[in-house]
Amino acid sequence: MDNQIRGSQEKANRIFPQGVYGILGEKFSLGRSNVETARLMVEGGIDILQYREKSDQKSRKIMLEECRQIRKITADAGVPFIVNDFLDIALAVGADGIHQGQDDLPVPVVKELAGGMLVGCSTHTPAQARRAMADGADYIGVGPIFATQTKADVCDAVGFDYLEYVVKNHTIPFVAIGGIKRHNLREVVARGAKTICLVTEIIGAQDIKQRIDEIKALLGEAHA
């Protein structure tokens, strides 16, 4: 294994937790603000939290202020905080990481600018996984496993074949994502996923803490 790739994976293994990866999205949060939802998720035991908003939905100034508040909430609780897409905001608030999609800034450019931050990259194919690792990504997103409506520009569901490919062929930390709910969570875990992202299943719940407790109980049963 290339030394750069090995170094990235060792760093990610130190700070990229197994468990439940949460993503914020105000329009799915039952009228709650991102800051309020983040506080509820952290109090509920979320293992890692990503801020994901689009500039056509709110101003960068508002996003920066939200991220400042969420950074404090997550830092006080020791929860890793990732910012999606916006490297400048991630740097400004001292986030733990930045997550990039296939059409965002290339991973090597982000690595050069991001200092010691964790750099994640969404991948949908084996070729994209290999490229992300060669470029030095610290972790990858694997999905969408199932069809999802939380992103307007999302690709078709990749199913379990790609997830199984990553588990069998790579050691890079990854998060399984896309359309994962309580009813199909065991299927994802059974195929080797250790960190699972559920979006609307969590932020769209009336009682977020109870929902995270239910998910973690299912994870425990699936790993037993």
C-alpha atoms as a PDB file:
ATOM      1  CA  MET A   1       0.000   0.000   0.000  1.00  0.00           C
ATOM      2  CA  ASP A   2       1.262   3.501  -0.857  1.00  0.00           C
ATOM      3  CA  ASN A   3       2.614   5.367   2.203  1.00  0.00           C
ATOM      4  CA  GLN A   4       0.355   8.379   1.565  1.00  0.00           C
ATOM      5  CA  ILE A   5      -2.736   6.175   1.439  1.00  0.00           C
ATOM      6  CA  ARG A   6      -1.626   4.267   4.535  1.00  0.00           C
ATOM      7  CA  GLY A   7      -1.057   7.510   6.426  1.00  0.00           C
ATOM      8  CA  SER A   8      -4.488   8.840   5.501  1.00  0.00           C
ATOM      9  CA  GLN A   9      -6.195   5.638   6.576  1.00  0.00           C
ATOM     10  CA  GLU A  10      -4.324   5.509   9.895  1.00  0.00           C
ATOM     11  CA  LYS A  11      -5.335   9.122  10.641  1.00  0.00           C
ATOM     12  CA  ALA A  12      -8.956   8.447   9.741  1.00  0.00           C
ATOM     13  CA  ASN A  13      -9.071   5.334  11.887  1.00  0.00           C
ATOM     14  CA  ARG A  14      -8.047   7.465  14.873  1.00  0.00           C
ATOM     15  CA  ILE A  15     -10.848  10.022  14.534  1.00  0.00           C
ATOM     16  CA  PHE A  16     -13.485   8.499  12.255  1.00  0.00           C
ATOM     17  CA  PRO A  17     -15.816   6.583  14.575  1.00  0.00           C
ATOM     18  CA  GLN A  18     -17.865   3.512  13.918  1.00  0.00           C
ATOM     19  CA  GLY A  19     -21.557   3.885  14.599  1.00  0.00           C
ATOM     20  CA  VAL A  20     -24.120   6.447  13.473  1.00  0.00           C
ATOM     21  CA  TYR A  21     -23.140   9.228  11.056  1.00  0.00           C
ATOM     22  CA  GLY A  22     -25.727  12.018  11.095  1.00  0.00           C
ATOM     23  CA  ILE A  23     -26.334  14.671   8.442  1.00  0.00           C
ATOM     24  CA  LEU A  24     -28.150  17.936   9.021  1.00  0.00           C
ATOM     25  CA  GLY A  25     -30.699  19.287   6.555  1.00  0.00           C
ATOM     26  CA  GLU A  26     -33.149  21.898   7.729  1.00  0.00           C
ATOM     27  CA  LYS A  27     -35.916  21.196   5.239  1.00  0.00           C
ATOM     28  CA  PHE A  28     -36.257  17.646   6.592  1.00  0.00           C
ATOM     29  CA  SER A  29     -36.120  18.616  10.275  1.00  0.00           C
ATOM     30  CA  LEU A  30     -39.803  19.244  11.096  1.00  0.00           C
ATOM     31  CA  GLY A  31     -39.310  23.007  11.409  1.00  0.00           C
ATOM     32  CA  ARG A  32     -36.322  22.751  13.751  1.00  0.00           C
ATOM     33  CA  SER A  33     -33.232  24.827  13.004  1.00  0.00           C
ATOM     34  CA  ASN A  34     -29.939  23.122  12.156  1.00  0.00           C
ATOM     35  CA  VAL A  35     -28.490  24.293  15.455  1.00  0.00           C
ATOM     36  CA  GLU A  36     -31.396  22.899  17.477  1.00  0.00           C
ATOM     37  CA  THR A  37     -31.305  19.628  15.530  1.00  0.00           C
ATOM     38  CA  ALA A  38     -27.548  19.344  16.022  1.00  0.00           C
ATOM     39  CA  ARG A  39     -27.936  19.810  19.765  1.00  0.00           C
ATOM     40  CA  LEU A  40     -30.612  17.120  19.924  1.00  0.00           C
ATOM     41  CA  MET A  41     -28.491  14.723  17.868  1.00  0.00           C
ATOM     42  CA  VAL A  42     -25.410  15.249  20.005  1.00  0.00           C
ATOM     43  CA  GLU A  43     -27.429  14.854  23.200  1.00  0.00           C
ATOM     44  CA  GLY A  44     -28.918  11.710  21.669  1.00  0.00           C
ATOM     45  CA  GLY A  45     -25.499  10.120  21.134  1.00  0.00           C
ATOM     46  CA  ILE A  46     -24.729  10.669  17.449  1.00  0.00           C
ATOM     47  CA  ASP A  47     -21.184   9.480  16.686  1.00  0.00           C
ATOM     48  CA  ILE A  48     -20.261  11.910  13.897  1.00  0.00           C
ATOM     49  CA  LEU A  49     -22.145  14.884  12.473  1.00  0.00           C
ATOM     50  CA  GLN A  50     -22.083  16.541   9.055  1.00  0.00           C
ATOM     51  CA  TYR A  51     -23.483  19.947   8.122  1.00  0.00           C
ATOM     52  CA  ARG A  52     -25.002  19.831   4.632  1.00  0.00           C
ATOM     53  CA  GLU A  53     -26.775  22.828   3.125  1.00  0.00           C
ATOM     54  CA  LYS A  54     -26.768  24.412  -0.322  1.00  0.00           C
ATOM     55  CA  SER A  55     -26.024  28.046  -1.153  1.00  0.00           C
ATOM     56  CA  ASP A  56     -29.253  28.327  -3.128  1.00  0.00           C
ATOM     57  CA  GLN A  57     -31.179  27.562   0.081  1.00  0.00           C
ATOM     58  CA  LYS A  58     -29.488  29.976   2.492  1.00  0.00           C
ATOM     59  CA  SER A  59     -26.677  32.519   2.471  1.00  0.00           C
ATOM     60  CA  ARG A  60     -23.074  31.600   3.212  1.00  0.00           C
ATOM     61  CA  LYS A  61     -23.154  34.124   6.071  1.00  0.00           C
ATOM     62  CA  ILE A  62     -26.010  32.228   7.744  1.00  0.00           C
ATOM     63  CA  MET A  63     -24.306  28.886   7.112  1.00  0.00           C
ATOM     64  CA  LEU A  64     -21.107  30.199   8.696  1.00  0.00           C
ATOM     65  CA  GLU A  65     -22.943  31.304  11.831  1.00  0.00           C
ATOM     66  CA  GLU A  66     -24.796  27.996  12.090  1.00  0.00           C
ATOM     67  CA  CYS A  67     -21.550  26.082  11.740  1.00  0.00           C
ATOM     68  CA  ARG A  68     -19.877  28.192  14.411  1.00  0.00           C
ATOM     69  CA  GLN A  69     -22.607  27.284  16.868  1.00  0.00           C
ATOM     70  CA  ILE A  70     -22.646  23.624  15.827  1.00  0.00           C
ATOM     71  CA  ARG A  71     -18.851  23.442  16.080  1.00  0.00           C
ATOM     72  CA  LYS A  72     -19.098  24.507  19.736  1.00  0.00           C
ATOM     73  CA  ILE A  73     -21.846  21.973  20.455  1.00  0.00           C
ATOM     74  CA  THR A  74     -19.878  19.132  18.866  1.00  0.00           C
ATOM     75  CA  ALA A  75     -16.528  20.181  20.336  1.00  0.00           C
ATOM     76  CA  ASP A  76     -17.942  20.334  23.852  1.00  0.00           C
ATOM     77  CA  ALA A  77     -19.285  16.790  23.413  1.00  0.00           C
ATOM     78  CA  GLY A  78     -16.241  15.384  21.608  1.00  0.00           C
ATOM     79  CA  VAL A  79     -18.244  14.582  18.465  1.00  0.00           C
ATOM     80  CA  PRO A  80     -16.364  14.909  15.130  1.00  0.00           C
ATOM     81  CA  PHE A  81     -17.860  17.675  12.984  1.00  0.00           C
ATOM     82  CA  ILE A  82     -17.731  17.559   9.175  1.00  0.00           C
ATOM     83  CA  VAL A  83     -18.743  20.337   6.779  1.00  0.00           C
ATOM     84  CA  ASN A  84     -20.027  19.312   3.356  1.00  0.00           C
ATOM     85  CA  ASP A  85     -18.682  21.153   0.274  1.00  0.00           C
ATOM     86  CA  PHE A  86     -17.655  24.483   1.834  1.00  0.00           C
ATOM     87  CA  LEU A  87     -13.948  24.328   2.645  1.00  0.00           C
ATOM     88  CA  ASP A  88     -13.806  28.006   3.631  1.00  0.00           C
ATOM     89  CA  ILE A  89     -16.534  27.525   6.242  1.00  0.00           C
ATOM     90  CA  ALA A  90     -14.911  24.335   7.524  1.00  0.00           C
ATOM     91  CA  LEU A  91     -11.621  26.174   7.993  1.00  0.00           C
ATOM     92  CA  ALA A  92     -13.268  29.234   9.526  1.00  0.00           C
ATOM     93  CA  VAL A  93     -15.023  27.255  12.265  1.00  0.00           C
ATOM     94  CA  GLY A  94     -12.264  24.716  12.922  1.00  0.00           C
ATOM     95  CA  ALA A  95     -14.233  21.701  11.734  1.00  0.00           C
ATOM     96  CA  ASP A  96     -12.727  18.244  12.051  1.00  0.00           C
ATOM     97  CA  GLY A  97     -13.262  17.509   8.386  1.00  0.00           C
ATOM     98  CA  ILE A  98     -14.584  18.433   4.977  1.00  0.00           C
ATOM     99  CA  HIS A  99     -16.645  16.170   2.716  1.00  0.00           C
ATOM    100  CA  GLN A 100     -16.512  16.467  -1.068  1.00  0.00           C
ATOM    101  CA  GLY A 101     -18.657  15.058  -3.853  1.00  0.00           C
ATOM    102  CA  GLN A 102     -17.525  13.882  -7.264  1.00  0.00           C
ATOM    103  CA  ASP A 103     -18.203  17.310  -8.806  1.00  0.00           C
ATOM    104  CA  ASP A 104     -16.587  19.351  -6.031  1.00  0.00           C
ATOM    105  CA  LEU A 105     -12.953  20.402  -5.624  1.00  0.00           C
ATOM    106  CA  PRO A 106     -10.578  17.471  -6.252  1.00  0.00           C
ATOM    107  CA  VAL A 107      -9.366  15.689  -3.146  1.00  0.00           C
ATOM    108  CA  PRO A 108      -5.645  16.565  -3.681  1.00  0.00           C
ATOM    109  CA  VAL A 109      -6.515  20.279  -3.848  1.00  0.00           C
ATOM    110  CA  VAL A 110      -8.617  20.037  -0.701  1.00  0.00           C
ATOM    111  CA  LYS A 111      -5.867  18.098   1.098  1.00  0.00           C
ATOM    112  CA  GLU A 112      -3.370  20.811   0.238  1.00  0.00           C
ATOM    113  CA  LEU A 113      -5.613  23.562   1.612  1.00  0.00           C
ATOM    114  CA  ALA A 114      -7.258  21.770   4.516  1.00  0.00           C
ATOM    115  CA  GLY A 115      -4.240  21.257   6.739  1.00  0.00           C
ATOM    116  CA  GLY A 116      -4.871  18.412   9.146  1.00  0.00           C
ATOM    117  CA  MET A 117      -8.607  18.150   8.557  1.00  0.00           C
ATOM    118  CA  LEU A 118     -10.163  14.830   7.631  1.00  0.00           C
ATOM    119  CA  VAL A 119     -11.111  14.775   3.948  1.00  0.00           C
ATOM    120  CA  GLY A 120     -14.004  12.566   2.870  1.00  0.00           C
ATOM    121  CA  CYS A 121     -15.185  11.854  -0.656  1.00  0.00           C
ATOM    122  CA  SER A 122     -18.493  10.463  -1.917  1.00  0.00           C
ATOM    123  CA  THR A 123     -18.021   7.471  -4.221  1.00  0.00           C
ATOM    124  CA  HIS A 124     -20.454   5.403  -6.258  1.00  0.00           C
ATOM    125  CA  THR A 125     -18.224   2.966  -8.175  1.00  0.00           C
ATOM    126  CA  PRO A 126     -15.075   0.893  -7.641  1.00  0.00           C
ATOM    127  CA  ALA A 127     -13.147   3.242  -9.944  1.00  0.00           C
ATOM    128  CA  GLN A 128     -14.180   6.248  -7.862  1.00  0.00           C
ATOM    129  CA  ALA A 129     -13.144   4.476  -4.663  1.00  0.00           C
ATOM    130  CA  ARG A 130      -9.722   3.689  -6.096  1.00  0.00           C
ATOM    131  CA  ARG A 131      -9.285   7.270  -7.298  1.00  0.00           C
ATOM    132  CA  ALA A 132     -10.329   8.727  -3.932  1.00  0.00           C
ATOM    133  CA  MET A 133      -7.780   6.553  -2.136  1.00  0.00           C
ATOM    134  CA  ALA A 134      -5.038   7.337  -4.641  1.00  0.00           C
ATOM    135  CA  ASP A 135      -5.797  11.029  -4.151  1.00  0.00           C
ATOM    136  CA  GLY A 136      -5.393  10.683  -0.383  1.00  0.00           C
ATOM    137  CA  ALA A 137      -8.993  10.726   0.887  1.00  0.00           C
ATOM    138  CA  ASP A 138      -9.181   9.835   4.574  1.00  0.00           C
ATOM    139  CA  TYR A 139     -12.569   8.162   4.261  1.00  0.00           C
ATOM    140  CA  ILE A 140     -15.176   7.591   1.568  1.00  0.00           C
ATOM    141  CA  GLY A 141     -18.932   7.616   1.322  1.00  0.00           C
ATOM    142  CA  VAL A 142     -20.311   4.417  -0.210  1.00  0.00           C
ATOM    143  CA  GLY A 143     -23.715   4.724  -1.835  1.00  0.00           C
ATOM    144  CA  PRO A 144     -26.439   5.547  -2.298  1.00  0.00           C
ATOM    145  CA  ILE A 145     -27.234   2.011  -1.144  1.00  0.00           C
ATOM    146  CA  PHE A 146     -30.952   2.570  -1.693  1.00  0.00           C
ATOM    147  CA  ALA A 147     -32.888   5.254  -3.547  1.00  0.00           C
ATOM    148  CA  THR A 148     -32.938   8.542  -1.664  1.00  0.00           C
ATOM    149  CA  GLN A 149     -34.725  11.877  -2.010  1.00  0.00           C
ATOM    150  CA  THR A 150     -32.528  13.951   0.309  1.00  0.00           C
ATOM    151  CA  LYS A 151     -30.319  15.238  -2.529  1.00  0.00           C
ATOM    152  CA  ALA A 152     -31.578  16.687  -5.801  1.00  0.00           C
ATOM    153  CA  ASP A 153     -28.483  15.665  -7.771  1.00  0.00           C
ATOM    154  CA  VAL A 154     -28.067  12.163  -6.391  1.00  0.00           C
ATOM    155  CA  CYS A 155     -27.160   9.286  -8.714  1.00  0.00           C
ATOM    156  CA  ASP A 156     -29.086   6.028  -8.983  1.00  0.00           C
ATOM    157  CA  ALA A 157     -28.864   3.588  -6.084  1.00  0.00           C
ATOM    158  CA  VAL A 158     -25.788   1.345  -6.269  1.00  0.00           C
ATOM    159  CA  GLY A 159     -27.258  -1.486  -4.194  1.00  0.00           C
ATOM    160  CA  PHE A 160     -25.174  -3.940  -2.200  1.00  0.00           C
ATOM    161  CA  ASP A 161     -22.686  -4.911  -4.919  1.00  0.00           C
ATOM    162  CA  TYR A 162     -20.584  -1.788  -4.489  1.00  0.00           C
ATOM    163  CA  LEU A 163     -20.740  -1.947  -0.696  1.00  0.00           C
ATOM    164  CA  GLU A 164     -19.550  -5.552  -0.771  1.00  0.00           C
ATOM    165  CA  TYR A 165     -16.760  -4.609  -3.193  1.00  0.00           C
ATOM    166  CA  VAL A 166     -15.411  -1.966  -0.806  1.00  0.00           C
ATOM    167  CA  VAL A 167     -15.609  -4.279   2.206  1.00  0.00           C
ATOM    168  CA  LYS A 168     -13.774  -7.075   0.403  1.00  0.00           C
ATOM    169  CA  ASN A 169     -11.139  -5.036  -1.402  1.00  0.00           C
ATOM    170  CA  HIS A 170     -10.258  -1.983   0.685  1.00  0.00           C
ATOM    171  CA  THR A 171      -9.429  -1.065   4.275  1.00  0.00           C
ATOM    172  CA  ILE A 172     -10.210   2.640   4.029  1.00  0.00           C
ATOM    173  CA  PRO A 173     -12.809   3.838   6.582  1.00  0.00           C
ATOM    174  CA  PHE A 174     -16.166   4.397   4.935  1.00  0.00           C
ATOM    175  CA  VAL A 175     -19.719   5.402   5.678  1.00  0.00           C
ATOM    176  CA  ALA A 176     -22.611   3.558   4.024  1.00  0.00           C
ATOM    177  CA  ILE A 177     -25.218   6.093   2.948  1.00  0.00           C
ATOM    178  CA  GLY A 178     -28.379   6.549   0.945  1.00  0.00           C
ATOM    179  CA  GLY A 179     -31.928   5.519   1.766  1.00  0.00           C
ATOM    180  CA  ILE A 180     -30.931   3.595   4.895  1.00  0.00           C
ATOM    181  CA  LYS A 181     -33.776   3.185   7.389  1.00  0.00           C
ATOM    182  CA  ARG A 182     -34.421   1.119  10.479  1.00  0.00           C
ATOM    183  CA  HIS A 183     -36.125  -1.612   8.448  1.00  0.00           C
ATOM    184  CA  ASN A 184     -33.111  -2.202   6.142  1.00  0.00           C
ATOM    185  CA  LEU A 185     -30.297  -1.348   8.563  1.00  0.00           C
ATOM    186  CA  ARG A 186     -29.487  -4.978   9.388  1.00  0.00           C
ATOM    187  CA  GLU A 187     -28.953  -5.780   5.710  1.00  0.00           C
ATOM    188  CA  VAL A 188     -26.352  -3.026   5.430  1.00  0.00           C
ATOM    189  CA  VAL A 189     -24.533  -4.064   8.603  1.00  0.00           C
ATOM    190  CA  ALA A 190     -24.603  -7.722   7.558  1.00  0.00           C
ATOM    191  CA  ARG A 191     -22.545  -6.794   4.505  1.00  0.00           C
ATOM    192  CA  GLY A 192     -19.760  -5.268   6.576  1.00  0.00           C
ATOM    193  CA  ALA A 193     -20.640  -1.610   7.119  1.00  0.00           C
ATOM    194  CA  LYS A 194     -19.433  -0.278  10.477  1.00  0.00           C
ATOM    195  CA  THR A 195     -20.429   3.382  10.110  1.00  0.00           C
ATOM    196  CA  ILE A 196     -23.944   3.991   8.833  1.00  0.00           C
ATOM    197  CA  CYS A 197     -25.556   7.251   7.767  1.00  0.00           C
ATOM    198  CA  LEU A 198     -29.272   7.770   8.227  1.00  0.00           C
ATOM    199  CA  VAL A 199     -30.563  11.225   7.313  1.00  0.00           C
ATOM    200  CA  THR A 200     -34.345  11.714   7.398  1.00  0.00           C
ATOM    201  CA  GLU A 201     -34.758   8.688   9.651  1.00  0.00           C
ATOM    202  CA  ILE A 202     -33.068  10.776  12.358  1.00  0.00           C
ATOM    203  CA  ILE A 203     -33.668  14.453  11.640  1.00  0.00           C
ATOM    204  CA  GLY A 204     -37.268  13.778  10.611  1.00  0.00           C
ATOM    205  CA  ALA A 205     -38.087  12.007  13.870  1.00  0.00           C
ATOM    206  CA  GLN A 206     -40.303  13.651  16.460  1.00  0.00           C
ATOM    207  CA  ASP A 207     -38.016  12.385  19.230  1.00  0.00           C
ATOM    208  CA  ILE A 208     -34.442  12.390  17.927  1.00  0.00           C
ATOM    209  CA  LYS A 209     -32.852  10.864  21.033  1.00  0.00           C
ATOM    210  CA  GLN A 210     -35.318   7.993  21.052  1.00  0.00           C
ATOM    211  CA  ARG A 211     -34.696   7.410  17.342  1.00  0.00           C
ATOM    212  CA  ILE A 212     -30.917   7.291  17.787  1.00  0.00           C
ATOM    213  CA  ASP A 213     -31.371   4.898  20.704  1.00  0.00           C
ATOM    214  CA  GLU A 214     -33.493   2.647  18.473  1.00  0.00           C
ATOM    215  CA  ILE A 215     -30.887   2.736  15.701  1.00  0.00           C
ATOM    216  CA  LYS A 216     -28.040   1.946  18.069  1.00  0.00           C
ATOM    217  CA  ALA A 217     -30.014  -0.949  19.525  1.00  0.00           C
ATOM    218  CA  LEU A 218     -30.489  -2.315  16.012  1.00  0.00           C
ATOM    219  CA  LEU A 219     -26.768  -1.880  15.310  1.00  0.00           C
ATOM    220  CA  GLY A 220     -25.948  -3.781  18.469  1.00  0.00           C
ATOM    221  CA  GLU A 221     -28.277  -6.603  17.503  1.00  0.00           C
ATOM    222  CA  ALA A 222     -26.847  -6.717  13.983  1.00  0.00           C
ATOM    223  CA  HIS A 223     -23.270  -6.936  15.296  1.00  0.00           C
ATOM    224  CA  ALA A 224     -24.145  -9.551  17.929  1.00  0.00           C
END
